[in-house]
N, C-alpha and C. Protein backbone atom coordinates (compact mmCIF):
# COMPACT_ATOMS: atom_id res chain seq x y z
N SER A 1 239.06 39.05 124.49
CA SER A 1 237.75 39.24 124.33
C SER A 1 236.91 38.76 125.68
N LEU A 2 237.72 38.05 126.49
CA LEU A 2 237.19 37.53 127.60
C LEU A 2 236.63 38.42 128.68
N PRO A 3 237.39 39.51 128.80
CA PRO A 3 236.96 40.55 129.74
C PRO A 3 235.56 41.25 129.35
N GLY A 4 235.54 41.49 128.18
CA GLY A 4 234.25 42.16 127.52
C GLY A 4 233.04 41.43 127.67
N ILE A 5 233.27 40.05 127.45
CA ILE A 5 232.37 39.21 127.55
C ILE A 5 231.75 38.93 128.89
N ALA A 6 232.72 38.96 129.94
CA ALA A 6 232.52 38.63 131.39
C ALA A 6 231.80 39.85 131.89
N THR A 7 232.30 40.78 131.30
CA THR A 7 231.30 42.26 131.78
C THR A 7 230.16 42.19 131.16
N ALA A 8 229.56 41.90 130.11
CA ALA A 8 228.42 41.72 129.43
C ALA A 8 227.68 40.72 130.20
N ALA A 9 228.07 39.72 130.69
CA ALA A 9 227.40 38.47 131.38
C ALA A 9 227.11 39.01 132.79
N ILE A 10 228.02 39.63 133.40
CA ILE A 10 227.65 40.33 134.84
C ILE A 10 226.51 41.24 134.73
N TYR A 11 226.49 41.93 133.65
CA TYR A 11 225.43 42.96 133.81
C TYR A 11 224.18 42.44 133.34
N THR A 12 224.09 41.58 132.44
CA THR A 12 222.98 40.68 132.18
C THR A 12 222.54 39.94 133.29
N PHE A 13 223.56 39.26 134.12
CA PHE A 13 222.84 38.68 135.22
C PHE A 13 222.33 39.66 136.46
N LEU A 14 222.92 40.63 136.57
CA LEU A 14 222.32 41.61 137.56
C LEU A 14 221.03 42.16 137.10
N LEU A 15 220.68 42.34 135.49
CA LEU A 15 219.62 43.03 135.25
C LEU A 15 218.52 41.95 135.32
N SER A 16 218.84 40.80 135.03
CA SER A 16 217.75 39.70 135.01
C SER A 16 217.62 39.18 136.50
N TRP A 17 218.49 39.40 137.35
CA TRP A 17 218.28 39.05 138.94
C TRP A 17 217.10 39.97 139.61
N ASN A 18 217.44 41.30 139.17
CA ASN A 18 216.77 42.37 139.74
C ASN A 18 215.37 42.91 139.09
N ASP A 19 215.01 41.98 138.07
CA ASP A 19 213.86 42.30 137.37
C ASP A 19 212.61 42.08 138.16
N PHE A 20 211.71 43.33 138.06
CA PHE A 20 210.68 43.30 139.05
C PHE A 20 209.44 43.34 137.85
N ILE A 21 209.21 44.63 137.31
CA ILE A 21 208.19 44.91 136.42
C ILE A 21 207.71 43.86 135.62
N PHE A 22 208.72 43.46 134.77
CA PHE A 22 208.34 42.29 133.56
C PHE A 22 208.01 41.14 134.57
N ALA A 23 208.55 40.61 135.67
CA ALA A 23 208.11 39.52 136.20
C ALA A 23 206.75 39.78 136.97
N LEU A 24 206.50 40.94 137.22
CA LEU A 24 205.26 41.17 138.03
C LEU A 24 204.12 41.06 137.04
N VAL A 25 204.19 41.51 135.77
CA VAL A 25 203.24 41.43 134.83
C VAL A 25 203.13 40.05 134.26
N GLU A 26 204.17 39.40 134.14
CA GLU A 26 204.09 38.02 133.26
C GLU A 26 204.02 36.80 134.17
N ILE A 27 204.32 36.85 135.52
CA ILE A 27 204.39 35.79 136.36
C ILE A 27 203.10 35.70 137.13
N SER A 28 202.17 34.69 136.95
CA SER A 28 201.07 34.74 137.89
C SER A 28 201.10 33.33 138.89
N SER A 29 202.08 32.62 138.69
CA SER A 29 202.15 31.56 139.73
C SER A 29 203.15 31.84 140.85
N ASN A 30 202.83 31.52 142.03
CA ASN A 30 204.05 31.76 143.12
C ASN A 30 205.14 30.82 143.09
N GLU A 31 204.98 29.73 142.39
CA GLU A 31 206.10 28.51 142.29
C GLU A 31 207.33 28.94 141.52
N ILE A 32 206.87 29.98 140.52
CA ILE A 32 207.90 30.32 139.65
C ILE A 32 208.46 31.86 139.81
N GLN A 33 208.01 32.46 140.88
CA GLN A 33 208.23 33.86 140.97
C GLN A 33 209.81 34.33 141.13
N THR A 34 210.23 35.44 140.95
CA THR A 34 211.57 35.79 141.19
C THR A 34 211.82 36.40 142.51
N VAL A 35 213.04 36.66 142.87
CA VAL A 35 213.54 37.07 144.21
C VAL A 35 212.74 38.52 144.44
N PRO A 36 212.73 39.38 143.63
CA PRO A 36 212.25 40.69 144.02
C PRO A 36 210.62 40.48 144.14
N LEU A 37 210.05 39.67 143.46
CA LEU A 37 208.54 39.46 143.57
C LEU A 37 208.27 38.64 144.80
N ALA A 38 209.17 37.75 145.30
CA ALA A 38 208.96 37.09 146.59
C ALA A 38 209.21 38.26 147.85
N LEU A 39 210.11 39.11 147.70
CA LEU A 39 210.23 40.22 148.51
C LEU A 39 209.05 40.96 148.70
N ASN A 40 208.62 41.08 147.51
CA ASN A 40 207.28 42.20 147.46
C ASN A 40 206.14 41.42 148.28
N ARG A 41 206.11 40.21 148.07
CA ARG A 41 205.01 39.59 148.74
C ARG A 41 205.15 39.66 150.40
N ILE A 42 206.36 39.67 150.60
CA ILE A 42 206.58 39.85 152.28
C ILE A 42 206.04 41.07 152.67
N PHE A 43 206.29 42.14 151.80
CA PHE A 43 205.94 43.41 152.15
C PHE A 43 204.55 43.61 151.73
N SER A 44 203.49 43.86 152.59
CA SER A 44 202.14 44.00 152.22
C SER A 44 201.63 45.29 152.46
N GLY A 45 200.57 45.62 151.90
CA GLY A 45 200.04 47.14 151.95
C GLY A 45 199.60 47.31 153.31
N GLU A 46 199.03 46.58 154.25
CA GLU A 46 198.43 46.80 155.38
C GLU A 46 199.69 46.69 156.58
N GLU A 47 200.61 45.90 156.52
CA GLU A 47 201.41 45.54 157.65
C GLU A 47 203.05 45.33 156.91
N ALA A 48 203.95 45.73 157.67
CA ALA A 48 205.22 45.48 157.10
C ALA A 48 206.04 44.59 157.95
N TRP A 49 206.46 43.52 157.72
CA TRP A 49 207.30 42.56 158.68
C TRP A 49 208.73 42.78 158.07
N TRP A 50 209.19 43.87 158.82
CA TRP A 50 210.55 44.24 158.68
C TRP A 50 211.68 43.31 158.85
N GLY A 51 211.59 42.45 159.93
CA GLY A 51 212.46 41.60 160.39
C GLY A 51 212.85 40.53 159.04
N PRO A 52 211.62 39.98 158.69
CA PRO A 52 211.65 38.75 157.43
C PRO A 52 212.14 39.46 156.12
N LEU A 53 211.63 40.67 155.72
CA LEU A 53 212.10 41.35 154.73
C LEU A 53 213.45 41.71 154.50
N LEU A 54 213.96 42.48 155.71
CA LEU A 54 215.36 42.71 155.76
C LEU A 54 216.34 41.21 155.63
N ALA A 55 215.95 40.17 156.33
CA ALA A 55 216.70 39.18 156.54
C ALA A 55 216.64 38.51 154.80
N SER A 56 215.59 38.59 154.18
CA SER A 56 215.50 38.00 152.84
C SER A 56 216.25 38.90 151.81
N SER A 57 216.22 40.14 151.98
CA SER A 57 216.97 40.99 151.31
C SER A 57 218.44 40.64 151.34
N VAL A 58 218.83 40.60 152.63
CA VAL A 58 220.42 40.25 152.62
C VAL A 58 220.93 38.84 152.10
N ILE A 59 219.70 37.83 152.31
CA ILE A 59 220.07 36.62 151.46
C ILE A 59 220.06 36.56 150.00
N ALA A 60 219.21 37.38 149.56
CA ALA A 60 219.08 37.74 148.14
C ALA A 60 220.33 38.31 147.55
N THR A 61 220.93 39.18 148.41
CA THR A 61 222.01 39.92 147.74
C THR A 61 223.52 38.90 147.83
N ILE A 62 223.41 37.72 148.52
CA ILE A 62 224.63 36.92 148.56
C ILE A 62 224.96 36.33 147.06
N PRO A 63 224.06 35.92 146.28
CA PRO A 63 224.58 35.32 144.89
C PRO A 63 225.23 36.34 144.05
N VAL A 64 224.67 37.80 144.23
CA VAL A 64 225.03 38.72 143.54
C VAL A 64 226.54 39.18 143.91
N ILE A 65 226.87 39.16 145.19
CA ILE A 65 228.08 39.44 145.73
C ILE A 65 229.33 38.27 145.22
N VAL A 66 228.84 37.01 145.45
CA VAL A 66 229.40 35.98 144.93
C VAL A 66 230.02 36.14 143.72
N ILE A 67 228.97 36.31 142.48
CA ILE A 67 229.22 36.46 141.39
C ILE A 67 230.03 37.63 141.13
N PHE A 68 230.06 38.82 141.65
CA PHE A 68 230.92 40.06 141.60
C PHE A 68 232.42 39.67 141.86
N LEU A 69 232.47 38.85 143.13
CA LEU A 69 233.82 38.58 143.72
C LEU A 69 234.41 37.62 142.90
N ILE A 70 233.91 36.84 142.34
CA ILE A 70 234.45 35.88 141.24
C ILE A 70 235.04 36.47 139.78
N PHE A 71 234.07 37.50 139.66
CA PHE A 71 234.69 38.10 138.14
C PHE A 71 234.89 39.35 138.15
N GLU A 72 235.36 39.90 139.25
CA GLU A 72 235.85 41.01 139.68
C GLU A 72 236.91 41.67 138.53
N ARG A 73 237.84 40.64 138.43
CA ARG A 73 238.94 41.34 137.54
C ARG A 73 238.62 41.23 136.21
N TYR A 74 237.73 40.55 135.63
CA TYR A 74 237.14 40.53 134.35
C TYR A 74 236.37 42.01 134.20
N LEU A 75 235.59 42.26 135.34
CA LEU A 75 234.69 43.48 135.21
C LEU A 75 235.63 44.52 134.98
N VAL A 76 236.54 44.60 135.81
CA VAL A 76 237.69 45.95 135.77
C VAL A 76 238.22 45.84 134.26
N LYS A 77 238.76 44.76 134.13
CA LYS A 77 239.58 44.83 132.73
C LYS A 77 238.70 45.31 131.47
N GLY A 78 237.43 44.49 131.56
CA GLY A 78 236.23 44.84 130.67
C GLY A 78 236.09 46.28 130.56
N LEU A 79 235.99 47.09 131.73
CA LEU A 79 235.65 48.35 131.75
C LEU A 79 236.59 49.45 131.47
N THR A 80 237.95 48.83 131.63
CA THR A 80 239.08 49.61 131.36
C THR A 80 239.65 49.67 129.99
N MET A 81 239.50 48.40 129.32
CA MET A 81 239.98 48.25 128.07
C MET A 81 239.42 49.21 127.02
N GLY A 82 238.23 49.63 127.23
CA GLY A 82 237.83 50.88 126.22
C GLY A 82 238.52 52.11 126.40
N ALA A 83 238.92 52.25 127.49
CA ALA A 83 239.92 53.65 127.56
C ALA A 83 241.37 53.62 127.26
N VAL A 84 241.73 52.54 126.92
CA VAL A 84 243.19 52.35 126.60
C VAL A 84 243.25 52.45 124.99
N LYS A 85 244.17 53.43 124.76
CA LYS A 85 244.45 53.53 123.34
C LYS A 85 245.73 52.84 122.91
N MET A 86 245.72 52.22 121.96
CA MET A 86 246.66 51.34 121.41
C MET A 86 247.67 52.04 120.06
């Protein structure tokens, strides 16, 4: 059951890492904001600073890529185990 649990954990991590709407509504402090909220604050309505925004976006994707590379085999096993008939 380890591949199924790992797959669920990866999906849960990705959904919580990319959560924007719930964090926007609930978090009012700048000290505890999530990564998408911090990226949104870089992109203001009047002026767009594309350099810092794109650099921050690349840095924000590094943990997701590392988690995926570590658990890739469990993710593939968890997704394909449902297709195997015994």
